[in-house]
Every structure is written in C-alpha cells, then in structure tokens.
Amino acid sequence: MAMFVLTMINGPAYENSRGRREQDGWEEHAAYMDVLVKDGFVVLGGPVGDGTQVLLVVEADDEAHIRTRLTADPWEPMGILRIGSISPWTIWL
C-alpha cells in the first residue's frame, strides 16, 4: 500500500450559504468517512484554508482503489463533494 494526498472540492450542489456540517446528507457522509477511518483507508482529513477544500491523506493500492472507495461516499452522487486531485506521497519524516 502507498500513501496519497487528495484534495476534495465542493461540487455543484454544495450550498455556499450553509456550513459543511449543514449540507444535505451530512450524517450519511460523516458515517461513511468514519468507516473509511476505521478501515485504515483515511489516515487524516479535514477542511483546509478557507474551508472550500478538504485535504485527505489515504493509504491505498493505487488511484483506482481511491476512486472506487470515494465513489461510495453519499456526497459524491449528490454533487456536494468530489475529488479535486490525487497525488502519491512519499513520506520521509
């Protein structure tokens, strides 16, 4: 398994007038993310900067594995959150 850094960006259905935890489907999204943490897939995650992006550090076989796991996030088909970028991460320290 390898480490990857992902940016997740707000999708077209993200309502800017509401906070992240106030978006439709928050409970389902949060429960799914908790499973990914419990499984050891998500190592770290949370909003960065002004909160319009989320940073995830994941441990996965490859990019296809990441896309498969995140497609099952309830927010993905709802258009609230989507993958912005995926980069392999070599940790030295």
N, C-alpha and C. Protein backbone atom coordinates (compact mmCIF):
# COMPACT_ATOMS: atom_id res chain seq x y z
N MET A 1 0.84 -1.18 0.00
CA MET A 1 0.00 0.00 0.00
C MET A 1 0.89 1.24 0.00
N ALA A 2 0.35 2.29 -0.57
CA ALA A 2 1.07 3.55 -0.67
C ALA A 2 0.23 4.67 -0.06
N MET A 3 0.88 5.76 0.23
CA MET A 3 0.18 6.93 0.76
C MET A 3 -0.11 7.90 -0.38
N PHE A 4 -1.27 8.54 -0.29
CA PHE A 4 -1.70 9.53 -1.27
C PHE A 4 -2.27 10.73 -0.53
N VAL A 5 -2.14 11.90 -1.15
CA VAL A 5 -2.76 13.13 -0.67
C VAL A 5 -3.82 13.52 -1.68
N LEU A 6 -5.02 13.78 -1.18
CA LEU A 6 -6.13 14.15 -2.05
C LEU A 6 -6.65 15.52 -1.66
N THR A 7 -7.06 16.26 -2.64
CA THR A 7 -7.89 17.42 -2.36
C THR A 7 -9.29 17.06 -2.81
N MET A 8 -10.23 17.38 -1.98
CA MET A 8 -11.64 17.21 -2.29
C MET A 8 -12.21 18.62 -2.42
N ILE A 9 -12.97 18.84 -3.47
CA ILE A 9 -13.50 20.18 -3.71
C ILE A 9 -15.02 20.15 -3.67
N ASN A 10 -15.59 21.29 -3.39
CA ASN A 10 -17.04 21.40 -3.35
C ASN A 10 -17.60 21.17 -4.75
N GLY A 11 -18.65 20.36 -4.81
CA GLY A 11 -19.31 20.09 -6.08
C GLY A 11 -20.37 21.13 -6.38
N PRO A 12 -21.06 20.98 -7.49
CA PRO A 12 -22.06 21.96 -7.92
C PRO A 12 -23.27 22.06 -6.99
N ALA A 13 -23.54 21.02 -6.20
CA ALA A 13 -24.69 21.05 -5.29
C ALA A 13 -24.33 21.57 -3.90
N TYR A 14 -23.05 21.89 -3.67
CA TYR A 14 -22.65 22.43 -2.37
C TYR A 14 -23.29 23.80 -2.21
N GLU A 15 -23.98 24.00 -1.10
CA GLU A 15 -24.66 25.27 -0.84
C GLU A 15 -23.74 26.17 -0.02
N ASN A 16 -23.18 27.18 -0.66
CA ASN A 16 -22.22 28.08 -0.01
C ASN A 16 -22.80 28.85 1.17
N SER A 17 -24.10 29.00 1.22
CA SER A 17 -24.73 29.74 2.31
C SER A 17 -24.83 28.89 3.58
N ARG A 18 -24.48 27.62 3.49
CA ARG A 18 -24.55 26.71 4.65
C ARG A 18 -23.16 26.16 4.95
N GLY A 19 -22.91 25.90 6.20
CA GLY A 19 -21.64 25.30 6.60
C GLY A 19 -21.53 23.85 6.12
N ARG A 20 -20.33 23.32 6.15
CA ARG A 20 -20.10 21.95 5.68
C ARG A 20 -20.97 20.95 6.42
N ARG A 21 -21.07 21.08 7.72
CA ARG A 21 -21.86 20.14 8.52
C ARG A 21 -23.36 20.40 8.41
N GLU A 22 -23.74 21.42 7.70
CA GLU A 22 -25.16 21.75 7.49
C GLU A 22 -25.64 21.35 6.09
N GLN A 23 -24.76 20.76 5.29
CA GLN A 23 -25.13 20.34 3.94
C GLN A 23 -26.07 19.14 4.01
N ASP A 24 -26.90 18.98 2.99
CA ASP A 24 -27.76 17.81 2.90
C ASP A 24 -26.89 16.55 2.94
N GLY A 25 -27.36 15.53 3.64
CA GLY A 25 -26.66 14.26 3.69
C GLY A 25 -25.43 14.23 4.58
N TRP A 26 -25.26 15.26 5.44
CA TRP A 26 -24.08 15.31 6.30
C TRP A 26 -23.93 14.04 7.14
N GLU A 27 -25.00 13.59 7.78
CA GLU A 27 -24.91 12.43 8.68
C GLU A 27 -24.44 11.19 7.92
N GLU A 28 -24.97 10.98 6.73
CA GLU A 28 -24.58 9.82 5.93
C GLU A 28 -23.12 9.92 5.47
N HIS A 29 -22.73 11.12 5.06
CA HIS A 29 -21.34 11.35 4.64
C HIS A 29 -20.39 11.11 5.81
N ALA A 30 -20.71 11.69 6.97
CA ALA A 30 -19.85 11.54 8.15
C ALA A 30 -19.74 10.08 8.57
N ALA A 31 -20.84 9.35 8.53
CA ALA A 31 -20.81 7.92 8.88
C ALA A 31 -19.93 7.14 7.92
N TYR A 32 -20.01 7.47 6.63
CA TYR A 32 -19.17 6.78 5.64
C TYR A 32 -17.70 7.10 5.87
N MET A 33 -17.38 8.34 6.14
CA MET A 33 -15.99 8.72 6.39
C MET A 33 -15.47 8.02 7.65
N ASP A 34 -16.31 7.87 8.67
CA ASP A 34 -15.90 7.15 9.88
C ASP A 34 -15.52 5.71 9.56
N VAL A 35 -16.25 5.08 8.64
CA VAL A 35 -15.92 3.71 8.21
C VAL A 35 -14.56 3.69 7.52
N LEU A 36 -14.30 4.69 6.67
CA LEU A 36 -13.01 4.74 5.97
C LEU A 36 -11.85 4.91 6.94
N VAL A 37 -12.08 5.67 8.01
CA VAL A 37 -11.05 5.84 9.04
C VAL A 37 -10.86 4.52 9.79
N LYS A 38 -11.96 3.90 10.19
CA LYS A 38 -11.89 2.64 10.92
C LYS A 38 -11.17 1.56 10.10
N ASP A 39 -11.40 1.55 8.80
CA ASP A 39 -10.75 0.57 7.91
C ASP A 39 -9.27 0.88 7.67
N GLY A 40 -8.80 2.05 8.10
CA GLY A 40 -7.41 2.44 7.88
C GLY A 40 -7.15 3.05 6.51
N PHE A 41 -8.21 3.28 5.75
CA PHE A 41 -8.07 3.89 4.43
C PHE A 41 -7.74 5.37 4.56
N VAL A 42 -8.53 6.10 5.34
CA VAL A 42 -8.27 7.52 5.60
C VAL A 42 -7.41 7.62 6.86
N VAL A 43 -6.26 8.28 6.71
CA VAL A 43 -5.33 8.46 7.81
C VAL A 43 -5.56 9.81 8.49
N LEU A 44 -5.75 10.85 7.69
CA LEU A 44 -6.01 12.20 8.17
C LEU A 44 -7.00 12.86 7.21
N GLY A 45 -7.76 13.81 7.71
CA GLY A 45 -8.65 14.53 6.81
C GLY A 45 -9.33 15.69 7.48
N GLY A 46 -9.66 16.70 6.68
CA GLY A 46 -10.41 17.84 7.18
C GLY A 46 -10.26 19.03 6.25
N PRO A 47 -11.13 20.03 6.45
CA PRO A 47 -11.08 21.24 5.64
C PRO A 47 -9.76 21.99 5.84
N VAL A 48 -9.30 22.64 4.78
CA VAL A 48 -8.08 23.45 4.85
C VAL A 48 -8.37 24.86 4.35
N GLY A 49 -7.51 25.78 4.75
CA GLY A 49 -7.64 27.17 4.29
C GLY A 49 -8.99 27.75 4.62
N ASP A 50 -9.64 28.30 3.61
CA ASP A 50 -10.93 28.96 3.82
C ASP A 50 -12.09 27.95 3.90
N GLY A 51 -11.78 26.66 3.85
CA GLY A 51 -12.80 25.64 4.00
C GLY A 51 -13.46 25.19 2.71
N THR A 52 -13.03 25.73 1.58
CA THR A 52 -13.64 25.32 0.31
C THR A 52 -13.03 24.02 -0.21
N GLN A 53 -11.93 23.58 0.39
CA GLN A 53 -11.31 22.31 0.03
C GLN A 53 -11.11 21.47 1.28
N VAL A 54 -11.10 20.18 1.06
CA VAL A 54 -10.80 19.22 2.13
C VAL A 54 -9.54 18.47 1.71
N LEU A 55 -8.64 18.26 2.66
CA LEU A 55 -7.44 17.51 2.41
C LEU A 55 -7.60 16.14 3.05
N LEU A 56 -7.32 15.08 2.30
CA LEU A 56 -7.33 13.72 2.83
C LEU A 56 -5.98 13.08 2.59
N VAL A 57 -5.49 12.36 3.58
CA VAL A 57 -4.34 11.51 3.42
C VAL A 57 -4.88 10.09 3.51
N VAL A 58 -4.65 9.29 2.48
CA VAL A 58 -5.19 7.94 2.45
C VAL A 58 -4.08 6.93 2.17
N GLU A 59 -4.34 5.71 2.58
CA GLU A 59 -3.44 4.60 2.27
C GLU A 59 -4.21 3.67 1.34
N ALA A 60 -3.67 3.47 0.15
CA ALA A 60 -4.38 2.70 -0.87
C ALA A 60 -3.41 2.01 -1.81
N ASP A 61 -3.94 1.06 -2.57
CA ASP A 61 -3.11 0.36 -3.55
C ASP A 61 -2.72 1.27 -4.71
N ASP A 62 -3.69 2.03 -5.20
CA ASP A 62 -3.46 2.89 -6.36
C ASP A 62 -4.62 3.87 -6.51
N GLU A 63 -4.55 4.70 -7.53
CA GLU A 63 -5.57 5.72 -7.75
C GLU A 63 -6.95 5.10 -8.00
N ALA A 64 -6.99 3.99 -8.71
CA ALA A 64 -8.27 3.34 -8.98
C ALA A 64 -8.93 2.89 -7.68
N HIS A 65 -8.14 2.38 -6.75
CA HIS A 65 -8.66 1.97 -5.43
C HIS A 65 -9.28 3.17 -4.71
N ILE A 66 -8.60 4.31 -4.77
CA ILE A 66 -9.10 5.53 -4.13
C ILE A 66 -10.42 5.95 -4.75
N ARG A 67 -10.47 6.01 -6.05
CA ARG A 67 -11.70 6.44 -6.73
C ARG A 67 -12.87 5.50 -6.42
N THR A 68 -12.60 4.20 -6.36
CA THR A 68 -13.65 3.23 -6.04
C THR A 68 -14.19 3.46 -4.64
N ARG A 69 -13.32 3.64 -3.68
CA ARG A 69 -13.77 3.84 -2.29
C ARG A 69 -14.55 5.15 -2.13
N LEU A 70 -14.08 6.22 -2.78
CA LEU A 70 -14.73 7.51 -2.60
C LEU A 70 -16.02 7.66 -3.41
N THR A 71 -16.19 6.86 -4.43
CA THR A 71 -17.43 6.89 -5.20
C THR A 71 -18.62 6.47 -4.33
N ALA A 72 -18.36 5.66 -3.32
CA ALA A 72 -19.42 5.19 -2.42
C ALA A 72 -19.81 6.23 -1.36
N ASP A 73 -19.08 7.34 -1.28
CA ASP A 73 -19.44 8.43 -0.36
C ASP A 73 -20.78 9.01 -0.80
N PRO A 74 -21.77 9.08 0.08
CA PRO A 74 -23.08 9.63 -0.31
C PRO A 74 -23.02 11.03 -0.92
N TRP A 75 -22.03 11.81 -0.58
CA TRP A 75 -21.93 13.16 -1.13
C TRP A 75 -21.48 13.17 -2.58
N GLU A 76 -20.84 12.11 -3.04
CA GLU A 76 -20.35 12.09 -4.42
C GLU A 76 -21.50 12.14 -5.43
N PRO A 77 -22.46 11.20 -5.37
CA PRO A 77 -23.56 11.27 -6.34
C PRO A 77 -24.49 12.46 -6.12
N MET A 78 -24.48 13.01 -4.90
CA MET A 78 -25.30 14.18 -4.61
C MET A 78 -24.68 15.45 -5.19
N GLY A 79 -23.41 15.40 -5.59
CA GLY A 79 -22.73 16.56 -6.15
C GLY A 79 -22.28 17.57 -5.12
N ILE A 80 -22.12 17.12 -3.87
CA ILE A 80 -21.71 18.04 -2.81
C ILE A 80 -20.20 18.09 -2.67
N LEU A 81 -19.53 16.96 -2.84
CA LEU A 81 -18.08 16.90 -2.70
C LEU A 81 -17.54 15.95 -3.75
N ARG A 82 -16.42 16.33 -4.37
CA ARG A 82 -15.82 15.47 -5.39
C ARG A 82 -14.31 15.57 -5.31
N ILE A 83 -13.65 14.62 -5.94
CA ILE A 83 -12.19 14.61 -5.94
C ILE A 83 -11.67 15.75 -6.80
N GLY A 84 -10.75 16.52 -6.24
CA GLY A 84 -10.09 17.58 -7.00
C GLY A 84 -8.79 17.06 -7.59
N SER A 85 -7.95 16.46 -6.74
CA SER A 85 -6.67 15.92 -7.21
C SER A 85 -6.26 14.75 -6.33
N ILE A 86 -5.45 13.88 -6.91
CA ILE A 86 -4.85 12.75 -6.20
C ILE A 86 -3.37 12.75 -6.53
N SER A 87 -2.54 12.74 -5.48
CA SER A 87 -1.09 12.72 -5.69
C SER A 87 -0.46 11.68 -4.78
N PRO A 88 0.44 10.85 -5.32
CA PRO A 88 1.19 9.95 -4.44
C PRO A 88 2.04 10.77 -3.49
N TRP A 89 2.26 10.25 -2.29
CA TRP A 89 3.01 11.00 -1.28
C TRP A 89 4.07 10.08 -0.69
N THR A 90 5.32 10.46 -0.88
CA THR A 90 6.42 9.74 -0.25
C THR A 90 6.77 10.46 1.03
N ILE A 91 6.57 9.78 2.15
CA ILE A 91 6.82 10.40 3.45
C ILE A 91 8.25 10.09 3.87
N TRP A 92 9.00 11.12 4.10
CA TRP A 92 10.39 10.96 4.56
C TRP A 92 10.54 11.23 6.06
N LEU A 93 9.71 12.06 6.60
CA LEU A 93 9.82 12.41 8.02
C LEU A 93 8.51 12.14 8.73
